[in-house]
């Protein structure tokens, strides 16, 4: 039986990747003003990336976290330590950085 609580896809990545997915309809901001997306650029502090990933992992409404591989490299240890089935973490390529399957 499917888990009806977990119905959202979260995304973390560069502006183009996140914008494209938001235009595809995955964007959501709940009643507490918590978004299911984070745009990461060169000015985004590492602790913001880490805390957002941690928040997405703990949220009970997120089933999948899409994260560009470049952002995932910044928090590789957190990605590698995540061993739960939900939310599933999927690394995706970005426009400027091709996917490296060895990571």
PDB file of N, CA and C in Angstrom:
ATOM      1  N   UNK A   1       0.844  -1.176   0.000  1.00  0.00           N
ATOM      2  CA  UNK A   1       0.000   0.000   0.000  1.00  0.00           C
ATOM      3  C   UNK A   1       0.892   1.242   0.000  1.00  0.00           C
ATOM      4  N   UNK A   2       0.586   2.184  -0.815  1.00  0.00           N
ATOM      5  CA  UNK A   2       1.387   3.402  -0.950  1.00  0.00           C
ATOM      6  C   UNK A   2       1.248   4.272   0.298  1.00  0.00           C
ATOM      7  N   UNK A   3       2.312   4.967   0.603  1.00  0.00           N
ATOM      8  CA  UNK A   3       2.308   5.883   1.733  1.00  0.00           C
ATOM      9  C   UNK A   3       1.705   7.201   1.275  1.00  0.00           C
ATOM     10  N   UNK A   4       0.478   7.491   1.712  1.00  0.00           N
ATOM     11  CA  UNK A   4      -0.233   8.689   1.253  1.00  0.00           C
ATOM     12  C   UNK A   4       0.319   9.964   1.867  1.00  0.00           C
ATOM     13  N   UNK A   5       1.040   9.848   2.989  1.00  0.00           N
ATOM     14  CA  UNK A   5       1.645  11.021   3.614  1.00  0.00           C
ATOM     15  C   UNK A   5       2.724  11.614   2.728  1.00  0.00           C
ATOM     16  N   UNK A   6       3.526  10.771   2.143  1.00  0.00           N
ATOM     17  CA  UNK A   6       4.669  11.211   1.344  1.00  0.00           C
ATOM     18  C   UNK A   6       4.221  11.420  -0.101  1.00  0.00           C
ATOM     19  N   UNK A   7       3.911  12.664  -0.414  1.00  0.00           N
ATOM     20  CA  UNK A   7       3.372  12.946  -1.742  1.00  0.00           C
ATOM     21  C   UNK A   7       4.155  13.996  -2.512  1.00  0.00           C
ATOM     22  N   UNK A   8       5.232  14.533  -1.920  1.00  0.00           N
ATOM     23  CA  UNK A   8       5.961  15.615  -2.571  1.00  0.00           C
ATOM     24  C   UNK A   8       7.337  15.185  -3.054  1.00  0.00           C
ATOM     25  N   UNK A   9       7.818  15.890  -4.075  1.00  0.00           N
ATOM     26  CA  UNK A   9       9.187  15.766  -4.546  1.00  0.00           C
ATOM     27  C   UNK A   9       9.889  17.066  -4.157  1.00  0.00           C
ATOM     28  N   UNK A  10      11.029  16.957  -3.504  1.00  0.00           N
ATOM     29  CA  UNK A  10      11.825  18.132  -3.154  1.00  0.00           C
ATOM     30  C   UNK A  10      12.980  18.236  -4.141  1.00  0.00           C
ATOM     31  N   UNK A  11      13.480  19.445  -4.326  1.00  0.00           N
ATOM     32  CA  UNK A  11      14.597  19.639  -5.247  1.00  0.00           C
ATOM     33  C   UNK A  11      15.589  20.644  -4.677  1.00  0.00           C
ATOM     34  N   UNK A  12      16.874  20.336  -4.858  1.00  0.00           N
ATOM     35  CA  UNK A  12      17.959  21.217  -4.468  1.00  0.00           C
ATOM     36  C   UNK A  12      18.922  21.275  -5.646  1.00  0.00           C
ATOM     37  N   UNK A  13      19.231  22.494  -6.087  1.00  0.00           N
ATOM     38  CA  UNK A  13      20.158  22.585  -7.206  1.00  0.00           C
ATOM     39  C   UNK A  13      20.314  24.003  -7.708  1.00  0.00           C
ATOM     40  N   UNK A  14      20.946  24.120  -8.875  1.00  0.00           N
ATOM     41  CA  UNK A  14      21.165  25.428  -9.482  1.00  0.00           C
ATOM     42  C   UNK A  14      19.833  26.022  -9.940  1.00  0.00           C
ATOM     43  N   UNK A  15      19.860  27.303 -10.234  1.00  0.00           N
ATOM     44  CA  UNK A  15      18.627  28.029 -10.566  1.00  0.00           C
ATOM     45  C   UNK A  15      17.898  27.441 -11.771  1.00  0.00           C
ATOM     46  N   UNK A  16      18.627  27.086 -12.831  1.00  0.00           N
ATOM     47  CA  UNK A  16      17.973  26.542 -14.025  1.00  0.00           C
ATOM     48  C   UNK A  16      17.291  25.206 -13.750  1.00  0.00           C
ATOM     49  N   UNK A  17      17.974  24.325 -13.017  1.00  0.00           N
ATOM     50  CA  UNK A  17      17.398  23.007 -12.711  1.00  0.00           C
ATOM     51  C   UNK A  17      16.156  23.123 -11.837  1.00  0.00           C
ATOM     52  N   UNK A  18      16.264  23.935 -10.786  1.00  0.00           N
ATOM     53  CA  UNK A  18      15.131  24.100  -9.869  1.00  0.00           C
ATOM     54  C   UNK A  18      13.961  24.781 -10.578  1.00  0.00           C
ATOM     55  N   UNK A  19      14.249  25.828 -11.347  1.00  0.00           N
ATOM     56  CA  UNK A  19      13.180  26.539 -12.059  1.00  0.00           C
ATOM     57  C   UNK A  19      12.453  25.622 -13.025  1.00  0.00           C
ATOM     58  N   UNK A  20      13.191  24.814 -13.756  1.00  0.00           N
ATOM     59  CA  UNK A  20      12.567  23.874 -14.685  1.00  0.00           C
ATOM     60  C   UNK A  20      11.632  22.904 -13.988  1.00  0.00           C
ATOM     61  N   UNK A  21      12.050  22.390 -12.848  1.00  0.00           N
ATOM     62  CA  UNK A  21      11.202  21.458 -12.105  1.00  0.00           C
ATOM     63  C   UNK A  21      10.006  22.163 -11.482  1.00  0.00           C
ATOM     64  N   UNK A  22      10.213  23.399 -11.027  1.00  0.00           N
ATOM     65  CA  UNK A  22       9.080  24.158 -10.487  1.00  0.00           C
ATOM     66  C   UNK A  22       8.056  24.445 -11.574  1.00  0.00           C
ATOM     67  N   UNK A  23       8.524  24.783 -12.773  1.00  0.00           N
ATOM     68  CA  UNK A  23       7.598  25.002 -13.888  1.00  0.00           C
ATOM     69  C   UNK A  23       6.860  23.719 -14.257  1.00  0.00           C
ATOM     70  N   UNK A  24       7.489  22.578 -13.971  1.00  0.00           N
ATOM     71  CA  UNK A  24       6.847  21.279 -14.194  1.00  0.00           C
ATOM     72  C   UNK A  24       5.804  20.948 -13.141  1.00  0.00           C
ATOM     73  N   UNK A  25       5.719  21.760 -12.087  1.00  0.00           N
ATOM     74  CA  UNK A  25       4.642  21.587 -11.122  1.00  0.00           C
ATOM     75  C   UNK A  25       5.009  20.984  -9.792  1.00  0.00           C
ATOM     76  N   UNK A  26       6.291  20.846  -9.458  1.00  0.00           N
ATOM     77  CA  UNK A  26       6.602  20.197  -8.185  1.00  0.00           C
ATOM     78  C   UNK A  26       6.690  21.159  -7.009  1.00  0.00           C
ATOM     79  N   UNK A  27       6.632  22.468  -7.252  1.00  0.00           N
ATOM     80  CA  UNK A  27       6.767  23.439  -6.177  1.00  0.00           C
ATOM     81  C   UNK A  27       5.614  23.412  -5.194  1.00  0.00           C
ATOM     82  N   UNK A  28       5.958  23.551  -3.910  1.00  0.00           N
ATOM     83  CA  UNK A  28       4.932  23.562  -2.866  1.00  0.00           C
ATOM     84  C   UNK A  28       5.457  24.355  -1.668  1.00  0.00           C
ATOM     85  N   UNK A  29       4.630  25.220  -1.135  1.00  0.00           N
ATOM     86  CA  UNK A  29       4.939  25.920   0.110  1.00  0.00           C
ATOM     87  C   UNK A  29       3.775  25.648   1.051  1.00  0.00           C
ATOM     88  N   UNK A  30       4.080  25.052   2.205  1.00  0.00           N
ATOM     89  CA  UNK A  30       3.009  24.659   3.121  1.00  0.00           C
ATOM     90  C   UNK A  30       2.540  25.840   3.977  1.00  0.00           C
ATOM     91  N   UNK A  31       1.625  25.590   4.863  1.00  0.00           N
ATOM     92  CA  UNK A  31       1.042  26.623   5.716  1.00  0.00           C
ATOM     93  C   UNK A  31       2.044  27.285   6.646  1.00  0.00           C
ATOM     94  N   UNK A  32       3.172  26.610   6.894  1.00  0.00           N
ATOM     95  CA  UNK A  32       4.217  27.174   7.753  1.00  0.00           C
ATOM     96  C   UNK A  32       5.292  27.871   6.923  1.00  0.00           C
ATOM     97  N   UNK A  33       4.994  28.117   5.645  1.00  0.00           N
ATOM     98  CA  UNK A  33       5.920  28.776   4.715  1.00  0.00           C
ATOM     99  C   UNK A  33       7.190  27.969   4.482  1.00  0.00           C
ATOM    100  N   UNK A  34       7.091  26.642   4.560  1.00  0.00           N
ATOM    101  CA  UNK A  34       8.223  25.756   4.284  1.00  0.00           C
ATOM    102  C   UNK A  34       8.127  25.304   2.831  1.00  0.00           C
ATOM    103  N   UNK A  35       9.159  25.621   2.044  1.00  0.00           N
ATOM    104  CA  UNK A  35       9.189  25.242   0.629  1.00  0.00           C
ATOM    105  C   UNK A  35       9.828  23.865   0.472  1.00  0.00           C
ATOM    106  N   UNK A  36       9.538  23.223  -0.649  1.00  0.00           N
ATOM    107  CA  UNK A  36      10.148  21.932  -0.947  1.00  0.00           C
ATOM    108  C   UNK A  36      11.248  22.077  -1.997  1.00  0.00           C
ATOM    109  N   UNK A  37      11.873  23.248  -2.040  1.00  0.00           N
ATOM    110  CA  UNK A  37      12.945  23.476  -3.007  1.00  0.00           C
ATOM    111  C   UNK A  37      13.963  24.456  -2.440  1.00  0.00           C
ATOM    112  N   UNK A  38      15.190  24.367  -2.967  1.00  0.00           N
ATOM    113  CA  UNK A  38      16.255  25.287  -2.597  1.00  0.00           C
ATOM    114  C   UNK A  38      17.098  25.564  -3.828  1.00  0.00           C
ATOM    115  N   UNK A  39      17.218  26.833  -4.178  1.00  0.00           N
ATOM    116  CA  UNK A  39      18.111  27.247  -5.258  1.00  0.00           C
ATOM    117  C   UNK A  39      19.479  27.498  -4.639  1.00  0.00           C
ATOM    118  N   UNK A  40      20.487  26.798  -5.156  1.00  0.00           N
ATOM    119  CA  UNK A  40      21.843  26.908  -4.639  1.00  0.00           C
ATOM    120  C   UNK A  40      22.703  27.623  -5.674  1.00  0.00           C
ATOM    121  N   UNK A  41      23.400  28.660  -5.218  1.00  0.00           N
ATOM    122  CA  UNK A  41      24.365  29.338  -6.084  1.00  0.00           C
ATOM    123  C   UNK A  41      25.669  29.505  -5.321  1.00  0.00           C
ATOM    124  N   UNK A  42      26.620  30.224  -5.892  1.00  0.00           N
ATOM    125  CA  UNK A  42      27.940  30.355  -5.275  1.00  0.00           C
ATOM    126  C   UNK A  42      27.896  31.089  -3.936  1.00  0.00           C
ATOM    127  N   UNK A  43      26.812  31.816  -3.678  1.00  0.00           N
ATOM    128  CA  UNK A  43      26.693  32.578  -2.434  1.00  0.00           C
ATOM    129  C   UNK A  43      25.934  31.819  -1.338  1.00  0.00           C
ATOM    130  N   UNK A  44      25.401  30.655  -1.664  1.00  0.00           N
ATOM    131  CA  UNK A  44      24.655  29.879  -0.673  1.00  0.00           C
ATOM    132  C   UNK A  44      25.628  29.240   0.311  1.00  0.00           C
ATOM    133  N   UNK A  45      25.484  29.551   1.596  1.00  0.00           N
ATOM    134  CA  UNK A  45      26.405  28.952   2.582  1.00  0.00           C
ATOM    135  C   UNK A  45      26.178  27.444   2.720  1.00  0.00           C
ATOM    136  N   UNK A  46      27.263  26.728   2.986  1.00  0.00           N
ATOM    137  CA  UNK A  46      27.193  25.278   3.126  1.00  0.00           C
ATOM    138  C   UNK A  46      26.224  24.870   4.227  1.00  0.00           C
ATOM    139  N   UNK A  47      26.177  25.614   5.329  1.00  0.00           N
ATOM    140  CA  UNK A  47      25.269  25.237   6.417  1.00  0.00           C
ATOM    141  C   UNK A  47      23.803  25.359   5.996  1.00  0.00           C
ATOM    142  N   UNK A  48      23.483  26.252   5.064  1.00  0.00           N
ATOM    143  CA  UNK A  48      22.111  26.355   4.544  1.00  0.00           C
ATOM    144  C   UNK A  48      21.767  25.118   3.715  1.00  0.00           C
ATOM    145  N   UNK A  49      22.716  24.655   2.913  1.00  0.00           N
ATOM    146  CA  UNK A  49      22.508  23.444   2.106  1.00  0.00           C
ATOM    147  C   UNK A  49      22.322  22.249   3.031  1.00  0.00           C
ATOM    148  N   UNK A  50      23.182  22.124   4.022  1.00  0.00           N
ATOM    149  CA  UNK A  50      23.099  21.002   4.957  1.00  0.00           C
ATOM    150  C   UNK A  50      21.798  21.019   5.751  1.00  0.00           C
ATOM    151  N   UNK A  51      21.408  22.179   6.249  1.00  0.00           N
ATOM    152  CA  UNK A  51      20.189  22.249   7.063  1.00  0.00           C
ATOM    153  C   UNK A  51      18.945  21.990   6.211  1.00  0.00           C
ATOM    154  N   UNK A  52      18.954  22.442   4.978  1.00  0.00           N
ATOM    155  CA  UNK A  52      17.803  22.181   4.103  1.00  0.00           C
ATOM    156  C   UNK A  52      17.700  20.698   3.780  1.00  0.00           C
ATOM    157  N   UNK A  53      18.824  20.053   3.492  1.00  0.00           N
ATOM    158  CA  UNK A  53      18.806  18.611   3.228  1.00  0.00           C
ATOM    159  C   UNK A  53      18.296  17.862   4.455  1.00  0.00           C
ATOM    160  N   UNK A  54      18.786  18.243   5.621  1.00  0.00           N
ATOM    161  CA  UNK A  54      18.349  17.619   6.872  1.00  0.00           C
ATOM    162  C   UNK A  54      16.840  17.793   7.070  1.00  0.00           C
ATOM    163  N   UNK A  55      16.359  19.001   6.793  1.00  0.00           N
ATOM    164  CA  UNK A  55      14.924  19.279   6.917  1.00  0.00           C
ATOM    165  C   UNK A  55      14.115  18.413   5.955  1.00  0.00           C
ATOM    166  N   UNK A  56      14.556  18.319   4.702  1.00  0.00           N
ATOM    167  CA  UNK A  56      13.845  17.508   3.711  1.00  0.00           C
ATOM    168  C   UNK A  56      13.811  16.039   4.125  1.00  0.00           C
ATOM    169  N   UNK A  57      14.911  15.535   4.681  1.00  0.00           N
ATOM    170  CA  UNK A  57      14.971  14.137   5.110  1.00  0.00           C
ATOM    171  C   UNK A  57      13.984  13.880   6.245  1.00  0.00           C
ATOM    172  N   UNK A  58      13.820  14.840   7.146  1.00  0.00           N
ATOM    173  CA  UNK A  58      12.940  14.663   8.300  1.00  0.00           C
ATOM    174  C   UNK A  58      11.463  14.884   7.986  1.00  0.00           C
ATOM    175  N   UNK A  59      11.178  15.619   6.920  1.00  0.00           N
ATOM    176  CA  UNK A  59       9.772  15.909   6.594  1.00  0.00           C
ATOM    177  C   UNK A  59       9.034  14.644   6.177  1.00  0.00           C
ATOM    178  N   UNK A  60       7.824  14.489   6.691  1.00  0.00           N
ATOM    179  CA  UNK A  60       7.026  13.287   6.417  1.00  0.00           C
ATOM    180  C   UNK A  60       6.197  13.406   5.140  1.00  0.00           C
ATOM    181  N   UNK A  61       6.233  14.583   4.486  1.00  0.00           N
ATOM    182  CA  UNK A  61       5.458  14.752   3.256  1.00  0.00           C
ATOM    183  C   UNK A  61       6.313  14.634   1.996  1.00  0.00           C
ATOM    184  N   UNK A  62       7.610  14.397   2.147  1.00  0.00           N
ATOM    185  CA  UNK A  62       8.510  14.307   1.000  1.00  0.00           C
ATOM    186  C   UNK A  62       8.874  12.848   0.739  1.00  0.00           C
ATOM    187  N   UNK A  63       8.641  12.416  -0.499  1.00  0.00           N
ATOM    188  CA  UNK A  63       8.942  11.041  -0.893  1.00  0.00           C
ATOM    189  C   UNK A  63      10.282  10.936  -1.612  1.00  0.00           C
ATOM    190  N   UNK A  64      10.631  11.970  -2.388  1.00  0.00           N
ATOM    191  CA  UNK A  64      11.844  11.948  -3.203  1.00  0.00           C
ATOM    192  C   UNK A  64      12.555  13.292  -3.078  1.00  0.00           C
ATOM    193  N   UNK A  65      13.869  13.248  -2.945  1.00  0.00           N
ATOM    194  CA  UNK A  65      14.685  14.459  -2.982  1.00  0.00           C
ATOM    195  C   UNK A  65      15.545  14.381  -4.237  1.00  0.00           C
ATOM    196  N   UNK A  66      15.319  15.311  -5.160  1.00  0.00           N
ATOM    197  CA  UNK A  66      16.164  15.429  -6.342  1.00  0.00           C
ATOM    198  C   UNK A  66      17.235  16.462  -6.020  1.00  0.00           C
ATOM    199  N   UNK A  67      18.488  16.111  -6.248  1.00  0.00           N
ATOM    200  CA  UNK A  67      19.587  17.010  -5.936  1.00  0.00           C
ATOM    201  C   UNK A  67      20.600  16.953  -7.069  1.00  0.00           C
ATOM    202  N   UNK A  68      20.999  18.120  -7.564  1.00  0.00           N
ATOM    203  CA  UNK A  68      21.990  18.108  -8.633  1.00  0.00           C
ATOM    204  C   UNK A  68      23.299  17.571  -8.078  1.00  0.00           C
ATOM    205  N   UNK A  69      24.031  16.877  -8.939  1.00  0.00           N
ATOM    206  CA  UNK A  69      25.243  16.210  -8.471  1.00  0.00           C
ATOM    207  C   UNK A  69      26.264  17.204  -7.923  1.00  0.00           C
ATOM    208  N   UNK A  70      26.320  18.378  -8.484  1.00  0.00           N
ATOM    209  CA  UNK A  70      27.254  19.394  -7.997  1.00  0.00           C
ATOM    210  C   UNK A  70      26.930  19.778  -6.551  1.00  0.00           C
ATOM    211  N   UNK A  71      25.647  19.941  -6.231  1.00  0.00           N
ATOM    212  CA  UNK A  71      25.245  20.257  -4.855  1.00  0.00           C
ATOM    213  C   UNK A  71      25.470  19.038  -3.959  1.00  0.00           C
ATOM    214  N   UNK A  72      25.171  17.853  -4.483  1.00  0.00           N
ATOM    215  CA  UNK A  72      25.383  16.631  -3.695  1.00  0.00           C
ATOM    216  C   UNK A  72      26.848  16.467  -3.311  1.00  0.00           C
ATOM    217  N   UNK A  73      27.756  16.876  -4.196  1.00  0.00           N
ATOM    218  CA  UNK A  73      29.185  16.789  -3.878  1.00  0.00           C
ATOM    219  C   UNK A  73      29.536  17.647  -2.667  1.00  0.00           C
ATOM    220  N   UNK A  74      28.837  18.757  -2.493  1.00  0.00           N
ATOM    221  CA  UNK A  74      29.092  19.643  -1.351  1.00  0.00           C
ATOM    222  C   UNK A  74      28.716  18.989  -0.024  1.00  0.00           C
ATOM    223  N   UNK A  75      27.734  18.102  -0.059  1.00  0.00           N
ATOM    224  CA  UNK A  75      27.276  17.435   1.171  1.00  0.00           C
ATOM    225  C   UNK A  75      27.372  15.917   1.018  1.00  0.00           C
ATOM    226  N   UNK A  76      28.415  15.460   0.340  1.00  0.00           N
ATOM    227  CA  UNK A  76      28.571  14.032   0.015  1.00  0.00           C
ATOM    228  C   UNK A  76      28.449  13.140   1.240  1.00  0.00           C
ATOM    229  N   UNK A  77      29.043  13.531   2.362  1.00  0.00           N
ATOM    230  CA  UNK A  77      28.983  12.660   3.544  1.00  0.00           C
ATOM    231  C   UNK A  77      27.548  12.496   4.038  1.00  0.00           C
ATOM    232  N   UNK A  78      26.750  13.546   3.959  1.00  0.00           N
ATOM    233  CA  UNK A  78      25.343  13.449   4.377  1.00  0.00           C
ATOM    234  C   UNK A  78      24.560  12.549   3.422  1.00  0.00           C
ATOM    235  N   UNK A  79      24.846  12.674   2.144  1.00  0.00           N
ATOM    236  CA  UNK A  79      24.177  11.830   1.136  1.00  0.00           C
ATOM    237  C   UNK A  79      24.531  10.369   1.384  1.00  0.00           C
ATOM    238  N   UNK A  80      25.827  10.098   1.579  1.00  0.00           N
ATOM    239  CA  UNK A  80      26.276   8.726   1.794  1.00  0.00           C
ATOM    240  C   UNK A  80      25.736   8.132   3.090  1.00  0.00           C
ATOM    241  N   UNK A  81      25.532   8.959   4.113  1.00  0.00           N
ATOM    242  CA  UNK A  81      25.022   8.476   5.396  1.00  0.00           C
ATOM    243  C   UNK A  81      23.511   8.218   5.380  1.00  0.00           C
ATOM    244  N   UNK A  82      22.812   8.795   4.403  1.00  0.00           N
ATOM    245  CA  UNK A  82      21.357   8.600   4.330  1.00  0.00           C
ATOM    246  C   UNK A  82      21.073   7.170   3.860  1.00  0.00           C
ATOM    247  N   UNK A  83      20.452   6.381   4.732  1.00  0.00           N
ATOM    248  CA  UNK A  83      20.221   4.969   4.411  1.00  0.00           C
ATOM    249  C   UNK A  83      18.750   4.559   4.502  1.00  0.00           C
ATOM    250  N   UNK A  84      17.858   5.527   4.537  1.00  0.00           N
ATOM    251  CA  UNK A  84      16.434   5.229   4.624  1.00  0.00           C
ATOM    252  C   UNK A  84      15.825   5.116   3.225  1.00  0.00           C
ATOM    253  N   UNK A  85      14.764   4.358   3.116  1.00  0.00           N
ATOM    254  CA  UNK A  85      14.084   4.223   1.832  1.00  0.00           C
ATOM    255  C   UNK A  85      13.346   5.505   1.468  1.00  0.00           C
ATOM    256  N   UNK A  86      12.798   6.160   2.496  1.00  0.00           N
ATOM    257  CA  UNK A  86      12.069   7.412   2.255  1.00  0.00           C
ATOM    258  C   UNK A  86      12.636   8.505   3.133  1.00  0.00           C
ATOM    259  N   UNK A  87      12.861   9.660   2.605  1.00  0.00           N
ATOM    260  CA  UNK A  87      12.753   9.977   1.197  1.00  0.00           C
ATOM    261  C   UNK A  87      13.944   9.412   0.409  1.00  0.00           C
ATOM    262  N   UNK A  88      13.659   9.003  -0.803  1.00  0.00           N
ATOM    263  CA  UNK A  88      14.702   8.522  -1.697  1.00  0.00           C
ATOM    264  C   UNK A  88      15.473   9.717  -2.234  1.00  0.00           C
ATOM    265  N   UNK A  89      16.782   9.620  -2.264  1.00  0.00           N
ATOM    266  CA  UNK A  89      17.634  10.708  -2.762  1.00  0.00           C
ATOM    267  C   UNK A  89      18.159  10.312  -4.137  1.00  0.00           C
ATOM    268  N   UNK A  90      17.862  11.145  -5.126  1.00  0.00           N
ATOM    269  CA  UNK A  90      18.318  10.899  -6.494  1.00  0.00           C
ATOM    270  C   UNK A  90      19.176  12.065  -6.957  1.00  0.00           C
ATOM    271  N   UNK A  91      20.373  11.748  -7.424  1.00  0.00           N
ATOM    272  CA  UNK A  91      21.250  12.778  -7.970  1.00  0.00           C
ATOM    273  C   UNK A  91      20.957  12.932  -9.459  1.00  0.00           C
ATOM    274  N   UNK A  92      20.857  14.180  -9.888  1.00  0.00           N
ATOM    275  CA  UNK A  92      20.533  14.464 -11.277  1.00  0.00           C
ATOM    276  C   UNK A  92      21.601  15.388 -11.867  1.00  0.00           C
ATOM    277  N   UNK A  93      21.755  15.367 -13.201  1.00  0.00           N
ATOM    278  CA  UNK A  93      22.712  16.291 -13.828  1.00  0.00           C
ATOM    279  C   UNK A  93      22.128  17.695 -13.890  1.00  0.00           C
ATOM    280  N   UNK A  94      22.987  18.654 -14.133  1.00  0.00           N
ATOM    281  CA  UNK A  94      22.536  20.024 -14.363  1.00  0.00           C
ATOM    282  C   UNK A  94      23.025  20.457 -15.740  1.00  0.00           C
ATOM    283  N   UNK A  95      22.537  21.578 -16.176  1.00  0.00           N
ATOM    284  CA  UNK A  95      22.866  22.080 -17.507  1.00  0.00           C
ATOM    285  C   UNK A  95      24.376  22.287 -17.674  1.00  0.00           C
ATOM    286  N   UNK A  96      25.007  22.810 -16.660  1.00  0.00           N
ATOM    287  CA  UNK A  96      26.421  23.171 -16.752  1.00  0.00           C
ATOM    288  C   UNK A  96      27.380  22.086 -16.279  1.00  0.00           C
ATOM    289  N   UNK A  97      26.868  21.053 -15.632  1.00  0.00           N
ATOM    290  CA  UNK A  97      27.721  20.007 -15.091  1.00  0.00           C
ATOM    291  C   UNK A  97      27.145  18.642 -15.468  1.00  0.00           C
ATOM    292  N   UNK A  98      27.769  17.952 -16.413  1.00  0.00           N
ATOM    293  CA  UNK A  98      27.254  16.638 -16.817  1.00  0.00           C
ATOM    294  C   UNK A  98      27.332  15.631 -15.662  1.00  0.00           C
ATOM    295  N   UNK A  99      26.470  14.647 -15.721  1.00  0.00           N
ATOM    296  CA  UNK A  99      26.390  13.631 -14.673  1.00  0.00           C
ATOM    297  C   UNK A  99      27.623  12.734 -14.713  1.00  0.00           C
ATOM    298  N   UNK A 100      28.185  12.449 -13.562  1.00  0.00           N
ATOM    299  CA  UNK A 100      29.328  11.552 -13.434  1.00  0.00           C
ATOM    300  C   UNK A 100      28.877  10.306 -12.689  1.00  0.00           C
ATOM    301  N   UNK A 101      28.671   9.196 -13.398  1.00  0.00           N
ATOM    302  CA  UNK A 101      28.141   7.996 -12.738  1.00  0.00           C
ATOM    303  C   UNK A 101      29.104   7.345 -11.743  1.00  0.00           C
ATOM    304  N   UNK A 102      30.348   7.771 -11.698  1.00  0.00           N
ATOM    305  CA  UNK A 102      31.291   7.168 -10.756  1.00  0.00           C
ATOM    306  C   UNK A 102      31.134   7.706  -9.350  1.00  0.00           C
ATOM    307  N   UNK A 103      30.346   8.760  -9.174  1.00  0.00           N
ATOM    308  CA  UNK A 103      30.170   9.356  -7.834  1.00  0.00           C
ATOM    309  C   UNK A 103      29.003   8.745  -7.115  1.00  0.00           C
TER     310      UNK A 103
END
